[in-house]
Amino acid sequence: MSDSILFEVDGGIAHVTLNRPTRLNAINDEAAYRWRDVATEIAERDDIVAVLLDASGPAFCAGGDVAAMAGFAEGGSMIETLAHAIHAGHQTFAAMPKPIVAAVQGAVAGGGLGFMLTADYIVAGTAASFASKYADIGLTPDCGVSTLLPEAIGTRRALELTLMSRRLSADEALDWGLVNEVISDAALAPRAREIAESWGTGAAAAFGQAKRLVRAESDYAAALDDEARTIGAAFDTPDAAARIAAFAARSSRRATASASPESLEN
């Protein structure tokens, strides 16, 4: 079983944890399929009434694993395939009558915004930050970002975040309506658990159906398909190839440096 995304159920609460901390929980091919499969299981299980989404390590999710993408022999077709797998999970989470709370710490970037925004209520730590970064590597939004981000903060601000090199602090994200609460990092996990348990012990069916009705969007599936096709095509452009290769090289150098004896001693 994959450990890229952890999943357990306790007291009617499904606890889903993005679990690639050494890669800032960036999503690789294994995690993409795991996300889809976990969503399907949660939707089908009658013993689950609510979901708690969080992440291991210092960051919530850095989006797609660009270094892994750079090694895909299939190129853009593989990117599109993985986008469809992720999007299937997103659609399942959106359609199911089970509310989701996300506990968000550290950096959230690119597709990580889409994973975060599958949640119906978002609690962020004071050190959290939020950025797009797609254009930095010559790619386009995926993971529902093109739909979920403007739904959360409005079209004008969504364009500002995706077209500019803008990074929001936790307080700015709260002001923009991107998150619901900002609290200390130490209080983040218990607060998110408290919210999930309140749904489980309250009128669980009513909470779940209210979420389903509010989330229901007839064009969401079409938007996700468009995202998958577009990012697959963007991946195969010369500009994206050069930017992704440069990013992957920098990532490799950082990983090598962090594993050196000198860095371990410091």
Protein backbone atom coordinates (compact mmCIF):
# COMPACT_ATOMS: atom_id res chain seq x y z
CA MET A 1 0.00 0.00 0.00
CA SER A 2 1.24 3.51 -0.82
CA ASP A 3 2.37 5.72 2.06
CA SER A 4 2.41 8.89 -0.08
CA ILE A 5 -1.04 9.66 1.34
CA LEU A 6 -2.00 8.22 4.71
CA PHE A 7 -5.59 7.30 5.48
CA GLU A 8 -7.31 6.13 8.65
CA VAL A 9 -10.78 6.27 10.12
CA ASP A 10 -11.55 6.99 13.76
CA GLY A 11 -14.97 7.74 15.23
CA GLY A 12 -16.53 8.44 11.85
CA ILE A 13 -13.76 10.86 10.84
CA ALA A 14 -11.56 10.01 7.85
CA HIS A 15 -8.08 11.38 8.45
CA VAL A 16 -6.22 11.94 5.15
CA THR A 17 -2.58 13.07 5.32
CA LEU A 18 -0.37 14.14 2.42
CA ASN A 19 2.81 12.32 3.34
CA ARG A 20 5.84 13.21 1.24
CA PRO A 21 7.42 15.69 3.66
CA THR A 22 10.91 15.57 2.14
CA ARG A 23 9.36 16.77 -1.14
CA LEU A 24 7.11 19.34 0.59
CA ASN A 25 4.25 16.92 -0.13
CA ALA A 26 4.55 17.52 -3.87
CA ILE A 27 2.30 15.12 -5.77
CA ASN A 28 3.97 12.42 -7.87
CA ASP A 29 2.32 9.68 -9.93
CA GLU A 30 1.87 7.37 -6.94
CA ALA A 31 0.23 10.10 -4.86
CA ALA A 32 -2.08 11.09 -7.74
CA TYR A 33 -3.60 7.62 -7.99
CA ARG A 34 -3.63 7.22 -4.21
CA TRP A 35 -5.64 10.48 -3.89
CA ARG A 36 -8.24 9.20 -6.37
CA ASP A 37 -8.54 5.83 -4.63
CA VAL A 38 -8.78 7.29 -1.12
CA ALA A 39 -11.55 9.65 -2.25
CA THR A 40 -13.48 6.74 -3.73
CA GLU A 41 -13.19 4.68 -0.55
CA ILE A 42 -14.29 7.57 1.66
CA ALA A 43 -17.30 8.28 -0.55
CA GLU A 44 -18.38 4.62 -0.47
CA ARG A 45 -17.98 3.96 3.26
CA ASP A 46 -21.08 4.41 5.43
CA ASP A 47 -19.01 4.68 8.62
CA ILE A 48 -17.43 7.98 7.52
CA VAL A 49 -19.33 11.23 8.10
CA ALA A 50 -16.57 13.86 7.78
CA VAL A 51 -12.98 14.26 6.56
CA LEU A 52 -9.89 15.87 8.09
CA LEU A 53 -7.22 16.71 5.50
CA ASP A 54 -3.70 17.63 6.61
CA ALA A 55 -0.05 17.13 5.67
CA SER A 56 3.20 15.90 7.17
CA GLY A 57 6.25 18.07 7.66
CA PRO A 58 6.86 21.82 7.27
CA ALA A 59 4.65 22.45 4.21
CA PHE A 60 1.11 21.56 3.19
CA CYS A 61 1.68 20.93 -0.53
CA ALA A 62 4.08 22.36 -3.11
CA GLY A 63 1.89 21.22 -6.01
CA GLY A 64 3.17 18.71 -8.56
CA ASP A 65 6.55 17.06 -8.14
CA VAL A 66 8.31 18.94 -10.94
CA ALA A 67 11.54 16.95 -10.60
CA ALA A 68 9.58 13.73 -11.11
CA MET A 69 7.67 15.25 -14.03
CA ALA A 70 10.95 16.07 -15.76
CA GLY A 71 11.73 12.36 -15.94
CA PHE A 72 8.48 11.24 -17.57
CA ALA A 73 9.29 9.69 -20.95
CA GLU A 74 5.67 10.12 -22.04
CA GLY A 75 5.86 13.91 -21.61
CA GLY A 76 2.64 15.89 -21.62
CA SER A 77 0.44 12.84 -22.15
CA MET A 78 1.54 11.51 -18.77
CA ILE A 79 0.91 14.89 -17.12
CA GLU A 80 -2.61 14.90 -18.56
CA THR A 81 -3.23 11.33 -17.38
CA LEU A 82 -2.12 12.16 -13.83
CA ALA A 83 -4.19 15.36 -13.85
CA HIS A 84 -7.27 13.31 -14.72
CA ALA A 85 -6.53 10.93 -11.82
CA ILE A 86 -6.21 13.82 -9.36
CA HIS A 87 -9.32 15.47 -10.77
CA ALA A 88 -11.31 12.27 -10.33
CA GLY A 89 -10.47 12.44 -6.63
CA HIS A 90 -11.42 16.11 -6.49
CA GLN A 91 -14.78 15.45 -8.14
CA THR A 92 -15.51 12.60 -5.76
CA PHE A 93 -14.73 14.75 -2.73
CA ALA A 94 -16.86 17.61 -4.09
CA ALA A 95 -19.88 15.43 -4.84
CA MET A 96 -19.96 13.32 -1.66
CA PRO A 97 -22.20 14.46 1.22
CA LYS A 98 -19.34 14.51 3.73
CA PRO A 99 -17.78 17.84 4.77
CA ILE A 100 -14.01 18.31 4.71
CA VAL A 101 -11.83 20.46 6.96
CA ALA A 102 -8.21 21.16 6.04
CA ALA A 103 -5.39 21.98 8.45
CA VAL A 104 -2.81 23.96 6.47
CA GLN A 105 0.74 24.71 7.57
CA GLY A 106 3.70 26.20 5.74
CA ALA A 107 3.83 26.65 1.99
CA VAL A 108 0.95 25.98 -0.37
CA ALA A 109 1.82 26.39 -4.05
CA GLY A 110 0.51 25.51 -7.51
CA GLY A 111 -1.72 22.47 -7.45
CA GLY A 112 -1.45 22.47 -3.67
CA LEU A 113 -4.01 25.29 -3.75
CA GLY A 114 -6.41 22.92 -5.50
CA PHE A 115 -5.88 20.16 -2.93
CA MET A 116 -6.46 22.64 -0.12
CA LEU A 117 -9.59 24.03 -1.78
CA THR A 118 -11.26 20.63 -1.95
CA ALA A 119 -11.92 21.32 1.73
CA ASP A 120 -15.13 23.04 2.77
CA TYR A 121 -13.48 24.76 5.74
CA ILE A 122 -9.79 25.72 5.92
CA VAL A 123 -7.80 26.44 9.07
CA ALA A 124 -4.32 27.86 8.41
CA GLY A 125 -1.32 28.20 10.69
CA THR A 126 0.22 31.64 11.15
CA ALA A 127 3.29 30.62 9.13
CA ALA A 128 1.28 29.42 6.12
CA SER A 129 1.82 31.08 2.73
CA PHE A 130 0.06 30.76 -0.59
CA ALA A 131 1.32 31.19 -4.17
CA SER A 132 0.55 30.01 -7.69
CA LYS A 133 3.99 29.52 -9.33
CA TYR A 134 2.57 27.76 -12.43
CA ALA A 135 3.93 30.35 -14.86
CA ASP A 136 7.37 30.11 -13.26
CA ILE A 137 7.76 26.70 -14.87
CA GLY A 138 5.76 27.45 -18.01
CA LEU A 139 2.68 25.47 -16.97
CA THR A 140 -1.01 26.21 -16.49
CA PRO A 141 -3.33 25.63 -13.50
CA ASP A 142 -4.55 22.12 -12.71
CA CYS A 143 -5.98 20.34 -9.65
CA GLY A 144 -9.13 22.44 -9.89
CA VAL A 145 -7.30 25.72 -9.33
CA SER A 146 -8.90 27.49 -12.32
CA THR A 147 -12.36 26.84 -10.86
CA LEU A 148 -11.87 26.60 -7.11
CA LEU A 149 -9.59 29.64 -6.69
CA PRO A 150 -11.94 32.23 -8.28
CA GLU A 151 -14.85 30.63 -6.40
CA ALA A 152 -12.98 31.27 -3.15
CA ILE A 153 -11.51 34.74 -3.73
CA GLY A 154 -13.13 36.13 -6.89
CA THR A 155 -11.89 36.32 -10.45
CA ARG A 156 -9.83 39.51 -10.11
CA ARG A 157 -7.83 38.27 -7.15
CA ALA A 158 -7.48 34.80 -8.65
CA LEU A 159 -5.94 36.40 -11.74
CA GLU A 160 -3.60 38.46 -9.57
CA LEU A 161 -2.39 35.36 -7.77
CA THR A 162 -1.93 33.30 -10.95
CA LEU A 163 -0.52 36.00 -13.26
CA MET A 164 1.80 37.77 -10.83
CA SER A 165 4.64 36.56 -8.61
CA ARG A 166 2.45 37.12 -5.58
CA ARG A 167 2.71 35.19 -2.33
CA LEU A 168 0.03 35.65 0.30
CA SER A 169 0.71 35.47 4.02
CA ALA A 170 -1.77 33.66 6.24
CA ASP A 171 -3.35 36.95 7.32
CA GLU A 172 -3.65 38.11 3.70
CA ALA A 173 -5.24 34.78 2.76
CA LEU A 174 -7.78 35.27 5.55
CA ASP A 175 -8.51 38.81 4.35
CA TRP A 176 -8.97 37.55 0.78
CA GLY A 177 -11.33 34.75 1.85
CA LEU A 178 -8.93 31.99 0.83
CA VAL A 179 -8.99 30.46 4.33
CA ASN A 180 -11.54 30.55 7.15
CA GLU A 181 -9.32 30.85 10.22
CA VAL A 182 -5.71 31.62 11.10
CA ILE A 183 -4.39 30.27 14.39
CA SER A 184 -1.05 29.33 15.90
CA ASP A 185 0.66 26.36 14.31
CA ALA A 186 0.57 24.59 17.69
CA ALA A 187 -3.23 24.85 17.82
CA LEU A 188 -3.77 23.88 14.16
CA ALA A 189 -4.19 20.11 14.49
CA PRO A 190 -6.52 20.14 17.52
CA ARG A 191 -8.67 22.90 16.01
CA ALA A 192 -9.15 21.02 12.74
CA ARG A 193 -9.96 17.83 14.65
CA GLU A 194 -12.47 19.77 16.76
CA ILE A 195 -14.27 20.99 13.64
CA ALA A 196 -14.40 17.54 12.05
CA GLU A 197 -15.72 15.99 15.26
CA SER A 198 -18.37 18.70 15.59
CA TRP A 199 -19.75 17.63 12.22
CA GLY A 200 -19.66 13.98 13.26
CA THR A 201 -21.49 14.50 16.54
CA GLY A 202 -23.97 17.03 15.16
CA ALA A 203 -26.56 16.67 12.41
CA ALA A 204 -24.08 14.79 10.23
CA ALA A 205 -26.49 14.02 7.41
CA ALA A 206 -27.69 17.62 7.20
CA PHE A 207 -24.14 19.02 7.21
CA GLY A 208 -23.14 16.60 4.48
CA GLN A 209 -26.10 17.31 2.24
CA ALA A 210 -25.69 21.06 2.67
CA LYS A 211 -22.07 20.73 1.56
CA ARG A 212 -23.10 18.64 -1.47
CA LEU A 213 -25.71 21.18 -2.55
CA VAL A 214 -23.39 24.18 -2.21
CA ARG A 215 -20.53 22.38 -3.98
CA ALA A 216 -22.62 21.06 -6.87
CA GLU A 217 -21.47 22.69 -10.11
CA SER A 218 -22.55 21.29 -13.47
CA ASP A 219 -19.52 22.73 -15.30
CA TYR A 220 -16.87 21.68 -12.74
CA ALA A 221 -16.18 18.38 -14.51
CA ALA A 222 -15.77 20.14 -17.85
CA ALA A 223 -13.37 22.66 -16.29
CA LEU A 224 -11.27 19.86 -14.80
CA ASP A 225 -11.05 18.10 -18.17
CA ASP A 226 -9.98 21.37 -19.80
CA GLU A 227 -7.28 21.85 -17.14
CA ALA A 228 -5.89 18.36 -17.73
CA ARG A 229 -5.68 18.83 -21.50
CA THR A 230 -4.14 22.30 -21.18
CA ILE A 231 -1.41 21.41 -18.69
CA GLY A 232 -0.53 18.32 -20.74
CA ALA A 233 -0.08 20.46 -23.84
CA ALA A 234 1.86 23.12 -21.91
CA PHE A 235 4.25 20.50 -20.57
CA ASP A 236 5.36 19.67 -24.13
CA THR A 237 6.28 23.25 -25.07
CA PRO A 238 9.99 24.20 -25.36
CA ASP A 239 9.58 26.97 -22.78
CA ALA A 240 8.13 24.61 -20.17
CA ALA A 241 10.77 21.98 -20.93
CA ALA A 242 13.58 24.47 -20.27
CA ARG A 243 11.99 25.86 -17.11
CA ILE A 244 11.16 22.42 -15.70
CA ALA A 245 14.67 21.16 -16.41
CA ALA A 246 16.14 24.17 -14.61
CA PHE A 247 13.81 23.70 -11.66
CA ALA A 248 14.63 19.99 -11.45
CA ALA A 249 18.35 20.76 -11.52
CA ARG A 250 18.03 23.30 -8.70
CA SER A 251 15.95 20.82 -6.71
CA SER A 252 18.58 18.13 -7.19
CA ARG A 253 21.36 20.47 -6.06
CA ARG A 254 19.42 21.44 -2.93
CA ALA A 255 18.75 17.79 -2.10
CA THR A 256 22.43 16.94 -2.55
CA ALA A 257 23.52 19.86 -0.42
CA SER A 258 21.09 19.03 2.38
CA ALA A 259 22.42 15.45 2.47
CA SER A 260 26.10 16.46 2.59
CA PRO A 261 28.11 15.82 5.78
CA GLU A 262 28.62 19.57 6.22
CA SER A 263 24.90 20.29 6.20
CA LEU A 264 24.18 17.42 8.57
CA GLU A 265 26.70 18.79 11.03
CA ASN A 266 25.20 22.29 11.00
